[in-house]
Protein backbone atom coordinates (compact mmCIF):
# COMPACT_ATOMS: atom_id res chain seq x y z
CA UNK A 1 71.87 133.39 94.61
CA UNK A 2 73.21 132.76 91.11
CA UNK A 3 76.96 133.01 90.61
CA UNK A 4 77.38 135.22 87.54
CA UNK A 5 81.17 134.80 87.59
CA UNK A 6 81.83 131.11 88.18
CA UNK A 7 85.41 130.17 89.00
CA UNK A 8 87.27 127.35 87.19
CA UNK A 9 86.58 125.22 90.26
CA UNK A 10 82.84 125.95 89.94
CA UNK A 11 82.95 125.03 86.26
CA UNK A 12 84.76 121.75 86.94
CA UNK A 13 82.32 120.65 89.63
CA UNK A 14 79.34 121.59 87.44
CA UNK A 15 80.64 120.02 84.22
CA UNK A 16 81.72 116.78 85.86
CA UNK A 17 78.70 116.43 88.16
CA UNK A 18 77.71 113.39 86.08
CA UNK A 19 80.63 111.53 87.68
CA UNK A 20 78.61 111.63 90.91
CA UNK A 21 75.06 111.37 89.59
CA UNK A 22 75.69 108.76 86.85
CA UNK A 23 79.09 107.13 87.38
CA UNK A 24 79.06 106.48 91.13
CA UNK A 25 81.97 108.73 92.08
CA UNK A 26 82.25 110.70 95.31
CA UNK A 27 83.65 114.22 95.50
CA UNK A 28 86.43 113.70 98.05
CA UNK A 29 87.79 117.21 98.38
CA UNK A 30 89.18 120.24 96.59
CA UNK A 31 92.65 121.61 97.15
CA UNK A 32 94.23 124.94 96.31
CA UNK A 33 97.98 125.42 96.19
CA UNK A 34 100.13 128.07 94.54
CA UNK A 35 102.42 125.27 93.35
CA UNK A 36 99.62 123.76 91.26
CA UNK A 37 99.51 124.81 87.61
CA UNK A 38 95.74 124.63 87.82
CA UNK A 39 95.59 126.35 91.23
CA UNK A 40 92.47 124.34 92.12
CA UNK A 41 92.38 120.54 92.10
CA UNK A 42 89.18 118.51 92.50
CA UNK A 43 89.41 114.91 93.71
CA UNK A 44 86.81 112.32 92.72
CA UNK A 45 86.89 108.66 93.76
CA UNK A 46 84.97 105.52 92.84
CA UNK A 47 85.68 102.51 95.08
CA UNK A 48 83.74 100.17 92.78
CA UNK A 49 85.75 100.95 89.65
CA UNK A 50 88.85 101.54 91.82
CA UNK A 51 89.66 104.92 90.29
CA UNK A 52 90.65 108.33 91.61
CA UNK A 53 90.39 111.35 89.31
CA UNK A 54 92.32 114.53 90.04
CA UNK A 55 91.16 117.45 87.92
CA UNK A 56 93.35 120.56 87.95
CA UNK A 57 92.04 123.66 86.21
CA UNK A 58 92.51 127.38 85.78
CA UNK A 59 91.47 129.80 83.04
CA UNK A 60 94.37 128.59 80.85
CA UNK A 61 95.28 125.17 82.23
CA UNK A 62 93.60 121.77 82.44
CA UNK A 63 94.71 118.31 83.39
CA UNK A 64 93.05 115.21 84.76
CA UNK A 65 95.18 112.47 86.27
CA UNK A 66 93.56 109.05 86.52
CA UNK A 67 95.00 106.91 89.31
CA UNK A 68 94.10 103.30 89.89
CA UNK A 69 93.28 102.32 93.47
CA UNK A 70 95.51 99.51 94.68
CA UNK A 71 94.60 98.03 98.04
CA UNK A 72 92.39 101.08 98.55
CA UNK A 73 95.14 103.63 97.86
CA UNK A 74 95.92 105.59 94.66
CA UNK A 75 98.88 104.27 92.70
CA UNK A 76 102.05 106.34 92.86
CA UNK A 77 102.37 108.99 90.18
CA UNK A 78 105.55 107.25 89.03
CA UNK A 79 103.65 103.99 88.46
CA UNK A 80 102.90 104.52 84.80
CA UNK A 81 101.15 101.15 84.51
CA UNK A 82 98.49 102.29 86.98
CA UNK A 83 98.48 106.07 86.66
CA UNK A 84 97.64 107.85 83.39
CA UNK A 85 96.82 111.28 82.03
CA UNK A 86 93.33 111.78 80.65
CA UNK A 87 94.54 112.18 77.05
CA UNK A 88 95.52 108.52 77.08
CA UNK A 89 91.81 107.85 76.59
CA UNK A 90 91.79 110.04 73.47
CA UNK A 91 94.92 108.29 72.18
CA UNK A 92 93.34 104.86 72.57
CA UNK A 93 89.94 105.90 71.23
CA UNK A 94 91.36 107.44 68.05
CA UNK A 95 94.43 105.26 67.48
CA UNK A 96 96.39 108.41 68.35
CA UNK A 97 94.70 110.39 65.59
CA UNK A 98 93.03 113.19 67.54
CA UNK A 99 93.44 116.94 67.94
CA UNK A 100 95.44 117.67 71.09
CA UNK A 101 94.10 121.22 71.11
CA UNK A 102 90.63 119.87 71.89
CA UNK A 103 92.06 119.24 75.35
CA UNK A 104 94.44 122.20 75.67
CA UNK A 105 93.09 125.07 77.76
CA UNK A 106 96.01 127.36 76.89
CA UNK A 107 94.79 127.78 73.32
CA UNK A 108 92.27 130.15 71.80
CA UNK A 109 89.23 128.14 72.87
CA UNK A 110 90.01 128.39 76.60
CA UNK A 111 88.91 126.24 79.53
CA UNK A 112 85.20 125.92 78.85
CA UNK A 113 85.65 124.16 75.52
CA UNK A 114 88.18 121.77 77.06
CA UNK A 115 85.80 120.92 79.90
CA UNK A 116 83.04 120.13 77.42
CA UNK A 117 85.33 118.00 75.23
CA UNK A 118 86.77 116.11 78.20
CA UNK A 119 83.35 115.46 79.73
CA UNK A 120 82.18 114.04 76.39
CA UNK A 121 85.31 111.86 76.22
CA UNK A 122 84.60 110.52 79.71
CA UNK A 123 80.99 109.82 78.79
CA UNK A 124 82.18 107.69 75.88
CA UNK A 125 84.29 105.72 78.35
CA UNK A 126 81.50 105.04 80.82
CA UNK A 127 82.35 101.34 81.11
CA UNK A 128 85.93 102.18 82.06
CA UNK A 129 84.86 104.67 84.70
CA UNK A 130 82.12 102.54 86.24
CA UNK A 131 83.60 99.03 86.25
CA UNK A 132 86.85 97.56 87.48
CA UNK A 133 88.48 97.24 84.05
CA UNK A 134 91.81 99.03 83.66
CA UNK A 135 92.90 100.61 80.41
CA UNK A 136 95.10 98.89 77.78
CA UNK A 137 98.42 100.51 78.70
CA UNK A 138 100.44 98.42 76.25
CA UNK A 139 98.29 99.55 73.32
CA UNK A 140 98.65 103.20 74.34
CA UNK A 141 102.42 102.87 74.55
CA UNK A 142 102.55 101.11 71.17
CA UNK A 143 100.58 103.97 69.58
CA UNK A 144 102.91 106.53 71.15
CA UNK A 145 105.95 104.62 69.92
CA UNK A 146 104.55 104.49 66.40
CA UNK A 147 104.01 108.25 66.46
CA UNK A 148 107.53 108.86 67.77
CA UNK A 149 109.03 106.71 65.03
CA UNK A 150 107.04 108.54 62.35
CA UNK A 151 108.24 111.90 63.66
CA UNK A 152 111.90 111.10 64.27
CA UNK A 153 112.64 108.02 62.19
CA UNK A 154 113.77 105.89 65.12
CA UNK A 155 112.10 103.97 67.90
CA UNK A 156 112.25 105.52 71.38
CA UNK A 157 115.02 104.08 73.56
CA UNK A 158 112.89 103.40 76.61
CA UNK A 159 115.16 101.00 78.45
CA UNK A 160 118.27 103.13 78.06
CA UNK A 161 119.53 104.34 81.46
CA UNK A 162 119.46 108.09 82.02
CA UNK A 163 121.89 110.30 83.87
CA UNK A 164 119.33 111.50 86.39
CA UNK A 165 117.89 108.09 87.27
CA UNK A 166 121.37 106.59 87.64
CA UNK A 167 122.49 109.54 89.75
CA UNK A 168 119.36 109.37 91.90
CA UNK A 169 120.14 105.78 92.79
CA UNK A 170 123.78 106.53 93.66
CA UNK A 171 123.06 109.77 95.53
CA UNK A 172 120.23 108.22 97.54
CA UNK A 173 122.45 105.36 98.65
CA UNK A 174 125.30 107.68 99.66
CA UNK A 175 123.27 110.40 101.35
CA UNK A 176 121.09 107.91 103.22
CA UNK A 177 124.26 106.41 104.67
CA UNK A 178 125.21 109.93 105.78
CA UNK A 179 121.94 110.32 107.67
CA UNK A 180 119.97 112.27 105.05
CA UNK A 181 116.36 111.55 104.17
CA UNK A 182 114.91 111.82 100.66
CA UNK A 183 112.03 114.26 101.14
CA UNK A 184 111.11 115.16 97.56
CA UNK A 185 111.34 113.15 94.35
CA UNK A 186 109.91 114.91 91.30
CA UNK A 187 108.84 111.54 89.88
CA UNK A 188 106.36 111.24 92.76
CA UNK A 189 104.82 114.70 92.32
CA UNK A 190 101.50 115.11 90.51
CA UNK A 191 101.85 116.22 86.88
CA UNK A 192 99.92 119.41 87.67
CA UNK A 193 102.54 120.46 90.24
CA UNK A 194 104.57 123.27 88.64
CA UNK A 195 107.83 122.09 90.23
CA UNK A 196 107.44 118.65 88.64
CA UNK A 197 108.47 119.95 85.24
CA UNK A 198 112.20 119.69 85.99
CA UNK A 199 113.71 116.50 87.38
CA UNK A 200 114.87 116.96 90.95
CA UNK A 201 115.42 115.28 94.29
CA UNK A 202 115.77 116.89 97.72
CA UNK A 203 117.47 115.42 100.79
CA UNK A 204 117.37 116.81 104.32
CA UNK A 205 119.34 116.23 107.51
CA UNK A 206 118.63 118.54 110.45
CA UNK A 207 119.36 122.05 109.10
CA UNK A 208 121.07 120.88 105.91
CA UNK A 209 119.31 120.53 102.55
CA UNK A 210 120.77 119.03 99.37
CA UNK A 211 118.92 119.53 96.09
CA UNK A 212 119.93 117.96 92.78
CA UNK A 213 118.01 119.33 89.83
CA UNK A 214 118.06 120.03 86.11
CA UNK A 215 118.64 123.74 85.52
CA UNK A 216 115.88 124.05 82.96
CA UNK A 217 113.51 121.62 81.25
CA UNK A 218 113.83 123.15 77.80
CA UNK A 219 116.98 125.15 77.06
CA UNK A 220 119.47 123.79 79.59
CA UNK A 221 118.06 120.36 80.34
CA UNK A 222 121.57 118.85 80.10
CA UNK A 223 122.93 120.96 82.97
CA UNK A 224 122.29 119.77 86.51
CA UNK A 225 122.89 121.80 89.64
CA UNK A 226 123.64 120.58 93.13
CA UNK A 227 122.52 123.07 95.76
CA UNK A 228 123.50 123.17 99.41
CA UNK A 229 120.93 125.06 101.51
CA UNK A 230 119.58 126.72 98.35
CA UNK A 231 123.02 127.90 97.15
CA UNK A 232 124.58 126.38 94.03
CA UNK A 233 127.51 124.23 95.16
CA UNK A 234 128.47 122.97 91.69
CA UNK A 235 127.09 122.19 88.22
CA UNK A 236 127.48 119.22 85.90
CA UNK A 237 127.20 119.69 82.15
CA UNK A 238 126.22 116.21 81.02
CA UNK A 239 126.73 117.12 77.36
CA UNK A 240 130.49 117.03 78.02
CA UNK A 241 130.36 113.34 78.86
CA UNK A 242 129.67 110.73 76.21
CA UNK A 243 129.27 108.05 78.86
CA UNK A 244 126.48 108.36 81.43
CA UNK A 245 128.50 106.46 83.99
CA UNK A 246 131.32 108.99 83.72
CA UNK A 247 129.01 111.95 84.31
CA UNK A 248 127.43 110.19 87.30
CA UNK A 249 130.86 109.30 88.67
CA UNK A 250 132.01 112.91 88.36
CA UNK A 251 128.88 114.18 90.09
CA UNK A 252 129.33 111.74 92.96
CA UNK A 253 132.96 112.78 93.39
CA UNK A 254 131.88 116.39 93.79
CA UNK A 255 129.01 115.45 96.08
CA UNK A 256 131.26 113.43 98.39
CA UNK A 257 133.63 116.37 98.71
CA UNK A 258 130.67 118.59 99.57
CA UNK A 259 129.33 116.43 102.42
């Protein structure tokens, strides 16, 4: 029986069937989760080229994460040297001179056009997908840096410590000593997970949960909340501190009083 109303999952499997028939990939599984932006995620793997593709799609969302297999396992999402978004291929192919909306399902063209454009992009990268040759990460980062400098007039400060990363290190050390376990780190969530958009970490010990998170990724990104069992215990407005170390120190003082 013909499906006259194919779902986004149906469209993904159909459009990217060449990964199996031509590129040597295997369809591992599909997953559905309300936390996923794309709702449905399709997992493809090629043990010869050592790649895992995770394609998340809905009527107005699309993303493909490309994870390198290291010792037979996909690289961590936080390992940016071995885990990339699919548009990195478009950046490298065009010297970062491409139309992002060709790959944006939330625009006027919708999912179908994005699937077609992405499939064509992957076809042009057949050697990458079928042989064990990883992408030129350094070149991609250089192109991104050039674009950032053109837009803002300065080079991105990549090695500058951030409040959240410094706090994560301090809080993990302290809470681990208190018997807590780090159960969620937003840096290790897939990019298509809706909760990944704001930086956060969650610790648990028996019936106690501590969550440290940015309040909002866009308007109040500088305000971080510390929640105890889902209730706000205190907030830190990092914009009030010129020194990152001072804001981290203040947060840790409050956290130690809380535990």
